[in-house]
């Protein structure tokens, strides 16, 4: 695969890693460890038989990792004083249960379905 002479070392390393990953797939396919059908199921090949544009398989796909030196023009997300992984995360199974959360409904719901016949006055 062609990469520019100006490509960074990281970009060349990613392309080499993609080549090795493709080589592993071809070897497993040749050894009968996987089938073409499995590759289609996994979403690695398109209908036309081309390799999907995924990072780690195709050298032309850019890395999905963010570069901290690239300014986006947006401020950082506010944390409101919360430190990373120091606040407990409430789970639904430990929250107190309300025995009848639908007390505001009129008429109140019942366990049985309302099967009484209604007159149609239309």
PDB file of N, CA and C in Angstrom:
ATOM      1  N   UNK A   1       0.841  -1.181   0.000  1.00  0.00           N
ATOM      2  CA  UNK A   1       0.000   0.000   0.000  1.00  0.00           C
ATOM      3  C   UNK A   1       0.881   1.238   0.000  1.00  0.00           C
ATOM      4  N   UNK A   2       0.393   2.255  -0.626  1.00  0.00           N
ATOM      5  CA  UNK A   2       1.162   3.469  -0.766  1.00  0.00           C
ATOM      6  C   UNK A   2       0.867   4.442   0.369  1.00  0.00           C
ATOM      7  N   UNK A   3       1.908   4.901   1.017  1.00  0.00           N
ATOM      8  CA  UNK A   3       1.809   5.992   1.984  1.00  0.00           C
ATOM      9  C   UNK A   3       2.818   7.047   1.562  1.00  0.00           C
ATOM     10  N   UNK A   4       2.457   8.261   1.773  1.00  0.00           N
ATOM     11  CA  UNK A   4       3.311   9.378   1.391  1.00  0.00           C
ATOM     12  C   UNK A   4       4.624   9.346   2.166  1.00  0.00           C
ATOM     13  N   UNK A   5       5.663   9.934   1.580  1.00  0.00           N
ATOM     14  CA  UNK A   5       6.945  10.061   2.274  1.00  0.00           C
ATOM     15  C   UNK A   5       6.822  10.968   3.490  1.00  0.00           C
ATOM     16  N   UNK A   6       5.792  11.808   3.488  1.00  0.00           N
ATOM     17  CA  UNK A   6       5.583  12.742   4.591  1.00  0.00           C
ATOM     18  C   UNK A   6       4.765  12.139   5.726  1.00  0.00           C
ATOM     19  N   UNK A   7       4.356  10.898   5.593  1.00  0.00           N
ATOM     20  CA  UNK A   7       3.535  10.257   6.623  1.00  0.00           C
ATOM     21  C   UNK A   7       4.331  10.131   7.915  1.00  0.00           C
ATOM     22  N   UNK A   8       3.635  10.329   9.029  1.00  0.00           N
ATOM     23  CA  UNK A   8       4.310  10.252  10.331  1.00  0.00           C
ATOM     24  C   UNK A   8       4.653   8.800  10.659  1.00  0.00           C
ATOM     25  N   UNK A   9       5.533   8.632  11.627  1.00  0.00           N
ATOM     26  CA  UNK A   9       5.931   7.291  12.046  1.00  0.00           C
ATOM     27  C   UNK A   9       4.737   6.527  12.604  1.00  0.00           C
ATOM     28  N   UNK A  10       3.860   7.241  13.297  1.00  0.00           N
ATOM     29  CA  UNK A  10       2.667   6.601  13.849  1.00  0.00           C
ATOM     30  C   UNK A  10       1.764   6.095  12.727  1.00  0.00           C
ATOM     31  N   UNK A  11       1.625   6.884  11.679  1.00  0.00           N
ATOM     32  CA  UNK A  11       0.788   6.504  10.531  1.00  0.00           C
ATOM     33  C   UNK A  11       1.373   5.277   9.831  1.00  0.00           C
ATOM     34  N   UNK A  12       2.684   5.237   9.680  1.00  0.00           N
ATOM     35  CA  UNK A  12       3.351   4.090   9.055  1.00  0.00           C
ATOM     36  C   UNK A  12       3.170   2.852   9.931  1.00  0.00           C
ATOM     37  N   UNK A  13       3.254   3.029  11.252  1.00  0.00           N
ATOM     38  CA  UNK A  13       3.075   1.923  12.183  1.00  0.00           C
ATOM     39  C   UNK A  13       1.642   1.385  12.107  1.00  0.00           C
ATOM     40  N   UNK A  14       0.653   2.282  12.001  1.00  0.00           N
ATOM     41  CA  UNK A  14      -0.736   1.851  11.863  1.00  0.00           C
ATOM     42  C   UNK A  14      -0.942   1.070  10.567  1.00  0.00           C
ATOM     43  N   UNK A  15      -0.324   1.533   9.475  1.00  0.00           N
ATOM     44  CA  UNK A  15      -0.449   0.841   8.192  1.00  0.00           C
ATOM     45  C   UNK A  15       0.194  -0.539   8.255  1.00  0.00           C
ATOM     46  N   UNK A  16       1.327  -0.650   8.927  1.00  0.00           N
ATOM     47  CA  UNK A  16       1.999  -1.941   9.076  1.00  0.00           C
ATOM     48  C   UNK A  16       1.146  -2.891   9.924  1.00  0.00           C
ATOM     49  N   UNK A  17       0.527  -2.359  10.962  1.00  0.00           N
ATOM     50  CA  UNK A  17      -0.362  -3.155  11.807  1.00  0.00           C
ATOM     51  C   UNK A  17      -1.568  -3.641  10.995  1.00  0.00           C
ATOM     52  N   UNK A  18      -2.135  -2.783  10.143  1.00  0.00           N
ATOM     53  CA  UNK A  18      -3.256  -3.168   9.283  1.00  0.00           C
ATOM     54  C   UNK A  18      -2.835  -4.282   8.325  1.00  0.00           C
ATOM     55  N   UNK A  19      -1.612  -4.187   7.794  1.00  0.00           N
ATOM     56  CA  UNK A  19      -1.117  -5.227   6.884  1.00  0.00           C
ATOM     57  C   UNK A  19      -1.019  -6.565   7.609  1.00  0.00           C
ATOM     58  N   UNK A  20      -0.490  -6.546   8.836  1.00  0.00           N
ATOM     59  CA  UNK A  20      -0.379  -7.777   9.615  1.00  0.00           C
ATOM     60  C   UNK A  20      -1.757  -8.373   9.927  1.00  0.00           C
ATOM     61  N   UNK A  21      -2.723  -7.501  10.250  1.00  0.00           N
ATOM     62  CA  UNK A  21      -4.080  -7.982  10.534  1.00  0.00           C
ATOM     63  C   UNK A  21      -4.706  -8.628   9.301  1.00  0.00           C
ATOM     64  N   UNK A  22      -4.521  -8.001   8.139  1.00  0.00           N
ATOM     65  CA  UNK A  22      -5.045  -8.577   6.896  1.00  0.00           C
ATOM     66  C   UNK A  22      -4.369  -9.908   6.602  1.00  0.00           C
ATOM     67  N   UNK A  23      -3.069  -9.982   6.875  1.00  0.00           N
ATOM     68  CA  UNK A  23      -2.316 -11.209   6.633  1.00  0.00           C
ATOM     69  C   UNK A  23      -2.839 -12.349   7.511  1.00  0.00           C
ATOM     70  N   UNK A  24      -3.197 -12.035   8.758  1.00  0.00           N
ATOM     71  CA  UNK A  24      -3.767 -13.038   9.661  1.00  0.00           C
ATOM     72  C   UNK A  24      -5.086 -13.575   9.120  1.00  0.00           C
ATOM     73  N   UNK A  25      -5.917 -12.676   8.593  1.00  0.00           N
ATOM     74  CA  UNK A  25      -7.220 -13.085   8.052  1.00  0.00           C
ATOM     75  C   UNK A  25      -7.019 -13.993   6.847  1.00  0.00           C
ATOM     76  N   UNK A  26      -6.102 -13.626   5.953  1.00  0.00           N
ATOM     77  CA  UNK A  26      -5.850 -14.427   4.760  1.00  0.00           C
ATOM     78  C   UNK A  26      -5.306 -15.803   5.151  1.00  0.00           C
ATOM     79  N   UNK A  27      -4.416 -15.857   6.141  1.00  0.00           N
ATOM     80  CA  UNK A  27      -3.849 -17.129   6.581  1.00  0.00           C
ATOM     81  C   UNK A  27      -4.935 -18.013   7.191  1.00  0.00           C
ATOM     82  N   UNK A  28      -5.809 -17.429   8.047  1.00  0.00           N
ATOM     83  CA  UNK A  28      -6.886 -18.208   8.661  1.00  0.00           C
ATOM     84  C   UNK A  28      -7.866 -18.705   7.603  1.00  0.00           C
ATOM     85  N   UNK A  29      -8.110 -17.893   6.587  1.00  0.00           N
ATOM     86  CA  UNK A  29      -8.995 -18.294   5.492  1.00  0.00           C
ATOM     87  C   UNK A  29      -8.367 -19.432   4.687  1.00  0.00           C
ATOM     88  N   UNK A  30      -7.068 -19.344   4.417  1.00  0.00           N
ATOM     89  CA  UNK A  30      -6.369 -20.380   3.652  1.00  0.00           C
ATOM     90  C   UNK A  30      -6.278 -21.687   4.433  1.00  0.00           C
ATOM     91  N   UNK A  31      -6.130 -21.600   5.761  1.00  0.00           N
ATOM     92  CA  UNK A  31      -6.022 -22.801   6.597  1.00  0.00           C
ATOM     93  C   UNK A  31      -7.376 -23.437   6.893  1.00  0.00           C
ATOM     94  N   UNK A  32      -8.457 -22.773   6.508  1.00  0.00           N
ATOM     95  CA  UNK A  32      -9.792 -23.311   6.754  1.00  0.00           C
ATOM     96  C   UNK A  32     -10.309 -23.060   8.162  1.00  0.00           C
ATOM     97  N   UNK A  33      -9.654 -22.177   8.898  1.00  0.00           N
ATOM     98  CA  UNK A  33     -10.109 -21.871  10.256  1.00  0.00           C
ATOM     99  C   UNK A  33     -11.384 -21.022  10.231  1.00  0.00           C
ATOM    100  N   UNK A  34     -11.539 -20.217   9.196  1.00  0.00           N
ATOM    101  CA  UNK A  34     -12.734 -19.400   9.017  1.00  0.00           C
ATOM    102  C   UNK A  34     -13.198 -19.532   7.577  1.00  0.00           C
ATOM    103  N   UNK A  35     -14.437 -19.134   7.334  1.00  0.00           N
ATOM    104  CA  UNK A  35     -14.977 -19.197   5.976  1.00  0.00           C
ATOM    105  C   UNK A  35     -15.299 -17.785   5.494  1.00  0.00           C
ATOM    106  N   UNK A  36     -15.504 -17.663   4.195  1.00  0.00           N
ATOM    107  CA  UNK A  36     -15.899 -16.363   3.632  1.00  0.00           C
ATOM    108  C   UNK A  36     -17.229 -15.934   4.216  1.00  0.00           C
ATOM    109  N   UNK A  37     -18.112 -16.899   4.441  1.00  0.00           N
ATOM    110  CA  UNK A  37     -19.420 -16.587   5.014  1.00  0.00           C
ATOM    111  C   UNK A  37     -19.268 -15.930   6.391  1.00  0.00           C
ATOM    112  N   UNK A  38     -18.361 -16.454   7.204  1.00  0.00           N
ATOM    113  CA  UNK A  38     -18.123 -15.868   8.527  1.00  0.00           C
ATOM    114  C   UNK A  38     -17.586 -14.443   8.401  1.00  0.00           C
ATOM    115  N   UNK A  39     -16.715 -14.210   7.435  1.00  0.00           N
ATOM    116  CA  UNK A  39     -16.180 -12.868   7.242  1.00  0.00           C
ATOM    117  C   UNK A  39     -17.283 -11.887   6.868  1.00  0.00           C
ATOM    118  N   UNK A  40     -18.240 -12.332   6.060  1.00  0.00           N
ATOM    119  CA  UNK A  40     -19.382 -11.482   5.724  1.00  0.00           C
ATOM    120  C   UNK A  40     -20.252 -11.245   6.949  1.00  0.00           C
ATOM    121  N   UNK A  41     -20.483 -12.301   7.742  1.00  0.00           N
ATOM    122  CA  UNK A  41     -21.293 -12.172   8.959  1.00  0.00           C
ATOM    123  C   UNK A  41     -20.656 -11.175   9.930  1.00  0.00           C
ATOM    124  N   UNK A  42     -19.353 -11.217  10.053  1.00  0.00           N
ATOM    125  CA  UNK A  42     -18.638 -10.334  10.967  1.00  0.00           C
ATOM    126  C   UNK A  42     -18.553  -8.915  10.437  1.00  0.00           C
ATOM    127  N   UNK A  43     -18.926  -8.722   9.183  1.00  0.00           N
ATOM    128  CA  UNK A  43     -18.906  -7.378   8.611  1.00  0.00           C
ATOM    129  C   UNK A  43     -17.538  -6.928   8.148  1.00  0.00           C
ATOM    130  N   UNK A  44     -16.647  -7.864   7.841  1.00  0.00           N
ATOM    131  CA  UNK A  44     -15.305  -7.490   7.416  1.00  0.00           C
ATOM    132  C   UNK A  44     -15.195  -7.273   5.914  1.00  0.00           C
ATOM    133  N   UNK A  45     -16.126  -7.847   5.155  1.00  0.00           N
ATOM    134  CA  UNK A  45     -16.110  -7.686   3.704  1.00  0.00           C
ATOM    135  C   UNK A  45     -17.442  -7.134   3.238  1.00  0.00           C
ATOM    136  N   UNK A  46     -17.400  -6.347   2.186  1.00  0.00           N
ATOM    137  CA  UNK A  46     -18.614  -5.802   1.598  1.00  0.00           C
ATOM    138  C   UNK A  46     -19.166  -6.794   0.589  1.00  0.00           C
ATOM    139  N   UNK A  47     -20.319  -6.478   0.036  1.00  0.00           N
ATOM    140  CA  UNK A  47     -20.932  -7.354  -0.958  1.00  0.00           C
ATOM    141  C   UNK A  47     -20.031  -7.495  -2.177  1.00  0.00           C
ATOM    142  N   UNK A  48     -19.308  -6.437  -2.506  1.00  0.00           N
ATOM    143  CA  UNK A  48     -18.404  -6.494  -3.652  1.00  0.00           C
ATOM    144  C   UNK A  48     -17.108  -7.220  -3.373  1.00  0.00           C
ATOM    145  N   UNK A  49     -16.931  -7.749  -2.163  1.00  0.00           N
ATOM    146  CA  UNK A  49     -15.726  -8.490  -1.830  1.00  0.00           C
ATOM    147  C   UNK A  49     -14.583  -7.605  -1.371  1.00  0.00           C
ATOM    148  N   UNK A  50     -14.862  -6.341  -1.120  1.00  0.00           N
ATOM    149  CA  UNK A  50     -13.814  -5.429  -0.679  1.00  0.00           C
ATOM    150  C   UNK A  50     -13.732  -5.407   0.837  1.00  0.00           C
ATOM    151  N   UNK A  51     -12.553  -5.138   1.326  1.00  0.00           N
ATOM    152  CA  UNK A  51     -12.338  -5.028   2.757  1.00  0.00           C
ATOM    153  C   UNK A  51     -13.011  -3.767   3.274  1.00  0.00           C
ATOM    154  N   UNK A  52     -13.716  -3.889   4.372  1.00  0.00           N
ATOM    155  CA  UNK A  52     -14.419  -2.751   4.958  1.00  0.00           C
ATOM    156  C   UNK A  52     -13.409  -1.726   5.461  1.00  0.00           C
ATOM    157  N   UNK A  53     -13.776  -0.460   5.390  1.00  0.00           N
ATOM    158  CA  UNK A  53     -12.907   0.612   5.862  1.00  0.00           C
ATOM    159  C   UNK A  53     -12.971   0.670   7.377  1.00  0.00           C
ATOM    160  N   UNK A  54     -12.188  -0.183   8.033  1.00  0.00           N
ATOM    161  CA  UNK A  54     -12.118  -0.209   9.487  1.00  0.00           C
ATOM    162  C   UNK A  54     -10.675   0.029   9.907  1.00  0.00           C
ATOM    163  N   UNK A  55     -10.534   0.750  10.991  1.00  0.00           N
ATOM    164  CA  UNK A  55      -9.195   0.990  11.536  1.00  0.00           C
ATOM    165  C   UNK A  55      -8.609  -0.346  11.971  1.00  0.00           C
ATOM    166  N   UNK A  56      -7.400  -0.614  11.603  1.00  0.00           N
ATOM    167  CA  UNK A  56      -6.739  -1.863  11.952  1.00  0.00           C
ATOM    168  C   UNK A  56      -6.761  -2.877  10.827  1.00  0.00           C
ATOM    169  N   UNK A  57      -7.557  -2.621   9.779  1.00  0.00           N
ATOM    170  CA  UNK A  57      -7.581  -3.523   8.633  1.00  0.00           C
ATOM    171  C   UNK A  57      -7.194  -2.812   7.349  1.00  0.00           C
ATOM    172  N   UNK A  58      -7.524  -1.566   7.233  1.00  0.00           N
ATOM    173  CA  UNK A  58      -7.268  -0.817   6.014  1.00  0.00           C
ATOM    174  C   UNK A  58      -6.278   0.309   6.325  1.00  0.00           C
ATOM    175  N   UNK A  59      -5.172   0.401   5.605  1.00  0.00           N
ATOM    176  CA  UNK A  59      -4.155   1.410   5.932  1.00  0.00           C
ATOM    177  C   UNK A  59      -4.592   2.845   5.629  1.00  0.00           C
ATOM    178  N   UNK A  60      -5.637   3.020   4.837  1.00  0.00           N
ATOM    179  CA  UNK A  60      -6.065   4.364   4.489  1.00  0.00           C
ATOM    180  C   UNK A  60      -7.071   4.944   5.475  1.00  0.00           C
ATOM    181  N   UNK A  61      -7.546   4.146   6.410  1.00  0.00           N
ATOM    182  CA  UNK A  61      -8.487   4.633   7.414  1.00  0.00           C
ATOM    183  C   UNK A  61      -7.699   5.321   8.510  1.00  0.00           C
ATOM    184  N   UNK A  62      -8.077   6.548   8.786  1.00  0.00           N
ATOM    185  CA  UNK A  62      -7.381   7.311   9.821  1.00  0.00           C
ATOM    186  C   UNK A  62      -7.689   6.753  11.200  1.00  0.00           C
ATOM    187  N   UNK A  63      -6.776   6.976  12.106  1.00  0.00           N
ATOM    188  CA  UNK A  63      -6.940   6.563  13.488  1.00  0.00           C
ATOM    189  C   UNK A  63      -8.102   7.304  14.115  1.00  0.00           C
ATOM    190  N   UNK A  64      -8.820   6.630  14.991  1.00  0.00           N
ATOM    191  CA  UNK A  64      -9.958   7.237  15.664  1.00  0.00           C
ATOM    192  C   UNK A  64      -9.542   7.909  16.965  1.00  0.00           C
ATOM    193  N   UNK A  65      -8.269   7.879  17.260  1.00  0.00           N
ATOM    194  CA  UNK A  65      -7.805   8.467  18.506  1.00  0.00           C
ATOM    195  C   UNK A  65      -7.699   9.981  18.348  1.00  0.00           C
ATOM    196  N   UNK A  66      -8.115  10.689  19.373  1.00  0.00           N
ATOM    197  CA  UNK A  66      -8.084  12.148  19.321  1.00  0.00           C
ATOM    198  C   UNK A  66      -6.676  12.664  19.598  1.00  0.00           C
ATOM    199  N   UNK A  67      -6.342  13.733  18.973  1.00  0.00           N
ATOM    200  CA  UNK A  67      -5.062  14.388  19.203  1.00  0.00           C
ATOM    201  C   UNK A  67      -5.317  15.568  20.125  1.00  0.00           C
ATOM    202  N   UNK A  68      -4.642  15.604  21.257  1.00  0.00           N
ATOM    203  CA  UNK A  68      -4.901  16.664  22.235  1.00  0.00           C
ATOM    204  C   UNK A  68      -4.378  18.013  21.759  1.00  0.00           C
ATOM    205  N   UNK A  69      -3.545  18.023  20.716  1.00  0.00           N
ATOM    206  CA  UNK A  69      -3.001  19.291  20.240  1.00  0.00           C
ATOM    207  C   UNK A  69      -3.901  19.978  19.224  1.00  0.00           C
ATOM    208  N   UNK A  70      -4.959  19.321  18.788  1.00  0.00           N
ATOM    209  CA  UNK A  70      -5.840  19.911  17.782  1.00  0.00           C
ATOM    210  C   UNK A  70      -6.946  20.685  18.486  1.00  0.00           C
ATOM    211  N   UNK A  71      -6.964  22.003  18.312  1.00  0.00           N
ATOM    212  CA  UNK A  71      -8.027  22.772  18.967  1.00  0.00           C
ATOM    213  C   UNK A  71      -9.336  22.627  18.192  1.00  0.00           C
ATOM    214  N   UNK A  72     -10.419  22.408  18.921  1.00  0.00           N
ATOM    215  CA  UNK A  72     -11.721  22.282  18.277  1.00  0.00           C
ATOM    216  C   UNK A  72     -12.499  23.578  18.347  1.00  0.00           C
ATOM    217  N   UNK A  73     -12.041  24.509  19.180  1.00  0.00           N
ATOM    218  CA  UNK A  73     -12.759  25.765  19.333  1.00  0.00           C
ATOM    219  C   UNK A  73     -13.860  25.677  20.363  1.00  0.00           C
ATOM    220  N   UNK A  74     -14.052  24.519  20.970  1.00  0.00           N
ATOM    221  CA  UNK A  74     -15.089  24.348  21.975  1.00  0.00           C
ATOM    222  C   UNK A  74     -14.451  24.201  23.351  1.00  0.00           C
ATOM    223  N   UNK A  75     -15.104  24.696  24.393  1.00  0.00           N
ATOM    224  CA  UNK A  75     -14.555  24.508  25.735  1.00  0.00           C
ATOM    225  C   UNK A  75     -14.721  23.062  26.185  1.00  0.00           C
ATOM    226  N   UNK A  76     -13.945  22.690  27.183  1.00  0.00           N
ATOM    227  CA  UNK A  76     -14.072  21.346  27.743  1.00  0.00           C
ATOM    228  C   UNK A  76     -15.436  21.191  28.389  1.00  0.00           C
ATOM    229  N   UNK A  77     -15.919  19.968  28.473  1.00  0.00           N
ATOM    230  CA  UNK A  77     -17.199  19.703  29.124  1.00  0.00           C
ATOM    231  C   UNK A  77     -17.073  19.992  30.605  1.00  0.00           C
ATOM    232  N   UNK A  78     -18.078  20.645  31.197  1.00  0.00           N
ATOM    233  CA  UNK A  78     -17.991  20.950  32.626  1.00  0.00           C
ATOM    234  C   UNK A  78     -18.163  19.693  33.472  1.00  0.00           C
ATOM    235  N   UNK A  79     -17.391  19.584  34.537  1.00  0.00           N
ATOM    236  CA  UNK A  79     -17.483  18.441  35.439  1.00  0.00           C
ATOM    237  C   UNK A  79     -18.259  18.783  36.704  1.00  0.00           C
ATOM    238  N   UNK A  80     -18.506  20.073  36.933  1.00  0.00           N
ATOM    239  CA  UNK A  80     -19.247  20.546  38.101  1.00  0.00           C
ATOM    240  C   UNK A  80     -18.628  20.038  39.396  1.00  0.00           C
ATOM    241  N   UNK A  81     -17.317  19.978  39.451  1.00  0.00           N
ATOM    242  CA  UNK A  81     -16.608  19.597  40.668  1.00  0.00           C
ATOM    243  C   UNK A  81     -16.529  18.101  40.922  1.00  0.00           C
ATOM    244  N   UNK A  82     -17.055  17.276  40.060  1.00  0.00           N
ATOM    245  CA  UNK A  82     -17.028  15.835  40.270  1.00  0.00           C
ATOM    246  C   UNK A  82     -15.660  15.302  39.844  1.00  0.00           C
ATOM    247  N   UNK A  83     -15.062  14.518  40.714  1.00  0.00           N
ATOM    248  CA  UNK A  83     -13.794  13.885  40.392  1.00  0.00           C
ATOM    249  C   UNK A  83     -14.067  12.545  39.716  1.00  0.00           C
ATOM    250  N   UNK A  84     -13.159  12.104  38.886  1.00  0.00           N
ATOM    251  CA  UNK A  84     -13.353  10.863  38.139  1.00  0.00           C
ATOM    252  C   UNK A  84     -13.444   9.661  39.060  1.00  0.00           C
ATOM    253  N   UNK A  85     -14.501   8.884  38.946  1.00  0.00           N
ATOM    254  CA  UNK A  85     -14.724   7.629  39.650  1.00  0.00           C
ATOM    255  C   UNK A  85     -14.676   7.760  41.172  1.00  0.00           C
ATOM    256  N   UNK A  86     -15.155   8.857  41.711  1.00  0.00           N
ATOM    257  CA  UNK A  86     -15.207   8.996  43.161  1.00  0.00           C
ATOM    258  C   UNK A  86     -16.636   9.074  43.666  1.00  0.00           C
ATOM    259  N   UNK A  87     -17.600   9.303  42.781  1.00  0.00           N
ATOM    260  CA  UNK A  87     -19.002   9.394  43.184  1.00  0.00           C
ATOM    261  C   UNK A  87     -19.676   8.047  42.970  1.00  0.00           C
ATOM    262  N   UNK A  88     -20.511   7.615  43.930  1.00  0.00           N
ATOM    263  CA  UNK A  88     -21.208   6.341  43.714  1.00  0.00           C
ATOM    264  C   UNK A  88     -22.251   6.487  42.615  1.00  0.00           C
ATOM    265  N   UNK A  89     -22.403   5.446  41.838  1.00  0.00           N
ATOM    266  CA  UNK A  89     -23.396   5.449  40.776  1.00  0.00           C
ATOM    267  C   UNK A  89     -24.621   4.683  41.265  1.00  0.00           C
ATOM    268  N   UNK A  90     -25.755   5.373  41.476  1.00  0.00           N
ATOM    269  CA  UNK A  90     -26.934   4.660  41.970  1.00  0.00           C
ATOM    270  C   UNK A  90     -27.459   3.695  40.914  1.00  0.00           C
ATOM    271  N   UNK A  91     -27.785   2.505  41.366  1.00  0.00           N
ATOM    272  CA  UNK A  91     -28.326   1.506  40.465  1.00  0.00           C
ATOM    273  C   UNK A  91     -29.802   1.327  40.782  1.00  0.00           C
ATOM    274  N   UNK A  92     -30.560   0.904  39.798  1.00  0.00           N
ATOM    275  CA  UNK A  92     -31.993   0.752  39.993  1.00  0.00           C
ATOM    276  C   UNK A  92     -32.330  -0.329  41.005  1.00  0.00           C
ATOM    277  N   UNK A  93     -31.501  -1.354  41.113  1.00  0.00           N
ATOM    278  CA  UNK A  93     -31.838  -2.431  42.036  1.00  0.00           C
ATOM    279  C   UNK A  93     -31.567  -2.075  43.496  1.00  0.00           C
ATOM    280  N   UNK A  94     -30.913  -0.948  43.776  1.00  0.00           N
ATOM    281  CA  UNK A  94     -30.685  -0.550  45.159  1.00  0.00           C
ATOM    282  C   UNK A  94     -31.468   0.710  45.523  1.00  0.00           C
ATOM    283  N   UNK A  95     -32.192   1.284  44.590  1.00  0.00           N
ATOM    284  CA  UNK A  95     -33.023   2.441  44.906  1.00  0.00           C
ATOM    285  C   UNK A  95     -34.280   1.977  45.622  1.00  0.00           C
ATOM    286  N   UNK A  96     -34.810   2.796  46.528  1.00  0.00           N
ATOM    287  CA  UNK A  96     -36.044   2.372  47.224  1.00  0.00           C
ATOM    288  C   UNK A  96     -37.196   2.273  46.228  1.00  0.00           C
ATOM    289  N   UNK A  97     -38.030   1.266  46.446  1.00  0.00           N
ATOM    290  CA  UNK A  97     -39.152   1.043  45.540  1.00  0.00           C
ATOM    291  C   UNK A  97     -40.407   1.712  46.084  1.00  0.00           C
ATOM    292  N   UNK A  98     -41.176   2.284  45.180  1.00  0.00           N
ATOM    293  CA  UNK A  98     -42.456   2.865  45.534  1.00  0.00           C
ATOM    294  C   UNK A  98     -43.497   1.778  45.306  1.00  0.00           C
ATOM    295  N   UNK A  99     -44.228   1.360  46.358  1.00  0.00           N
ATOM    296  CA  UNK A  99     -45.136   0.230  46.188  1.00  0.00           C
ATOM    297  C   UNK A  99     -46.266   0.499  45.190  1.00  0.00           C
ATOM    298  N   UNK A 100     -46.738   1.730  45.100  1.00  0.00           N
ATOM    299  CA  UNK A 100     -47.805   2.043  44.160  1.00  0.00           C
ATOM    300  C   UNK A 100     -47.486   3.374  43.482  1.00  0.00           C
ATOM    301  N   UNK A 101     -46.718   3.350  42.416  1.00  0.00           N
ATOM    302  CA  UNK A 101     -46.303   4.598  41.798  1.00  0.00           C
ATOM    303  C   UNK A 101     -47.404   5.269  40.974  1.00  0.00           C
ATOM    304  N   UNK A 102     -48.561   4.601  40.789  1.00  0.00           N
ATOM    305  CA  UNK A 102     -49.610   5.159  39.941  1.00  0.00           C
ATOM    306  C   UNK A 102     -50.811   5.650  40.748  1.00  0.00           C
ATOM    307  N   UNK A 103     -50.576   6.178  41.928  1.00  0.00           N
ATOM    308  CA  UNK A 103     -51.686   6.659  42.750  1.00  0.00           C
ATOM    309  C   UNK A 103     -52.326   7.914  42.184  1.00  0.00           C
ATOM    310  N   UNK A 104     -51.643   8.609  41.288  1.00  0.00           N
ATOM    311  CA  UNK A 104     -52.183   9.835  40.714  1.00  0.00           C
ATOM    312  C   UNK A 104     -53.178   9.566  39.590  1.00  0.00           C
ATOM    313  N   UNK A 105     -53.293   8.317  39.122  1.00  0.00           N
ATOM    314  CA  UNK A 105     -54.198   7.994  38.022  1.00  0.00           C
ATOM    315  C   UNK A 105     -55.632   7.857  38.505  1.00  0.00           C
ATOM    316  N   UNK A 106     -56.566   8.341  37.696  1.00  0.00           N
ATOM    317  CA  UNK A 106     -57.985   8.216  38.023  1.00  0.00           C
ATOM    318  C   UNK A 106     -58.698   7.621  36.825  1.00  0.00           C
ATOM    319  N   UNK A 107     -59.374   6.560  36.919  1.00  0.00           N
ATOM    320  CA  UNK A 107     -59.464   5.647  38.062  1.00  0.00           C
ATOM    321  C   UNK A 107     -58.161   4.884  38.239  1.00  0.00           C
ATOM    322  N   UNK A 108     -57.944   4.395  39.434  1.00  0.00           N
ATOM    323  CA  UNK A 108     -56.704   3.695  39.755  1.00  0.00           C
ATOM    324  C   UNK A 108     -56.621   2.390  38.962  1.00  0.00           C
ATOM    325  N   UNK A 109     -55.450   2.003  38.508  1.00  0.00           N
ATOM    326  CA  UNK A 109     -55.307   0.751  37.769  1.00  0.00           C
ATOM    327  C   UNK A 109     -55.596  -0.456  38.655  1.00  0.00           C
ATOM    328  N   UNK A 110     -56.061  -1.511  38.046  1.00  0.00           N
ATOM    329  CA  UNK A 110     -56.356  -2.744  38.779  1.00  0.00           C
ATOM    330  C   UNK A 110     -55.515  -3.869  38.211  1.00  0.00           C
ATOM    331  N   UNK A 111     -55.463  -4.981  38.959  1.00  0.00           N
ATOM    332  CA  UNK A 111     -54.704  -6.132  38.489  1.00  0.00           C
ATOM    333  C   UNK A 111     -55.399  -6.804  37.314  1.00  0.00           C
ATOM    334  N   UNK A 112     -56.724  -6.763  37.306  1.00  0.00           N
ATOM    335  CA  UNK A 112     -57.516  -7.402  36.263  1.00  0.00           C
ATOM    336  C   UNK A 112     -57.848  -6.388  35.174  1.00  0.00           C
ATOM    337  N   UNK A 113     -58.044  -6.875  33.983  1.00  0.00           N
ATOM    338  CA  UNK A 113     -58.434  -6.005  32.877  1.00  0.00           C
ATOM    339  C   UNK A 113     -59.893  -5.598  33.032  1.00  0.00           C
ATOM    340  N   UNK A 114     -60.222  -4.403  32.604  1.00  0.00           N
ATOM    341  CA  UNK A 114     -61.595  -3.919  32.645  1.00  0.00           C
ATOM    342  C   UNK A 114     -62.313  -4.463  31.421  1.00  0.00           C
ATOM    343  N   UNK A 115     -63.140  -5.478  31.652  1.00  0.00           N
ATOM    344  CA  UNK A 115     -63.823  -6.142  30.531  1.00  0.00           C
ATOM    345  C   UNK A 115     -65.313  -5.829  30.514  1.00  0.00           C
ATOM    346  N   UNK A 116     -65.743  -4.835  31.271  1.00  0.00           N
ATOM    347  CA  UNK A 116     -67.171  -4.502  31.277  1.00  0.00           C
ATOM    348  C   UNK A 116     -67.548  -3.884  29.947  1.00  0.00           C
ATOM    349  N   UNK A 117     -68.769  -4.186  29.499  1.00  0.00           N
ATOM    350  CA  UNK A 117     -69.254  -3.669  28.248  1.00  0.00           C
ATOM    351  C   UNK A 117     -69.602  -2.190  28.399  1.00  0.00           C
ATOM    352  N   UNK A 118     -69.205  -1.412  27.424  1.00  0.00           N
ATOM    353  CA  UNK A 118     -69.496   0.012  27.418  1.00  0.00           C
ATOM    354  C   UNK A 118     -70.554   0.273  26.335  1.00  0.00           C
ATOM    355  N   UNK A 119     -71.526   1.154  26.663  1.00  0.00           N
ATOM    356  CA  UNK A 119     -72.547   1.508  25.682  1.00  0.00           C
ATOM    357  C   UNK A 119     -71.980   2.548  24.744  1.00  0.00           C
ATOM    358  N   UNK A 120     -72.229   2.371  23.478  1.00  0.00           N
ATOM    359  CA  UNK A 120     -71.770   3.321  22.481  1.00  0.00           C
ATOM    360  C   UNK A 120     -72.897   4.325  22.238  1.00  0.00           C
ATOM    361  N   UNK A 121     -72.745   5.556  22.732  1.00  0.00           N
ATOM    362  CA  UNK A 121     -73.793   6.584  22.608  1.00  0.00           C
ATOM    363  C   UNK A 121     -73.617   7.425  21.370  1.00  0.00           C
ATOM    364  N   UNK A 122     -72.894   6.981  20.426  1.00  0.00           N
ATOM    365  CA  UNK A 122     -72.651   7.795  19.232  1.00  0.00           C
ATOM    366  C   UNK A 122     -73.719   7.651  18.204  1.00  0.00           C
TER     367      UNK A 122
END
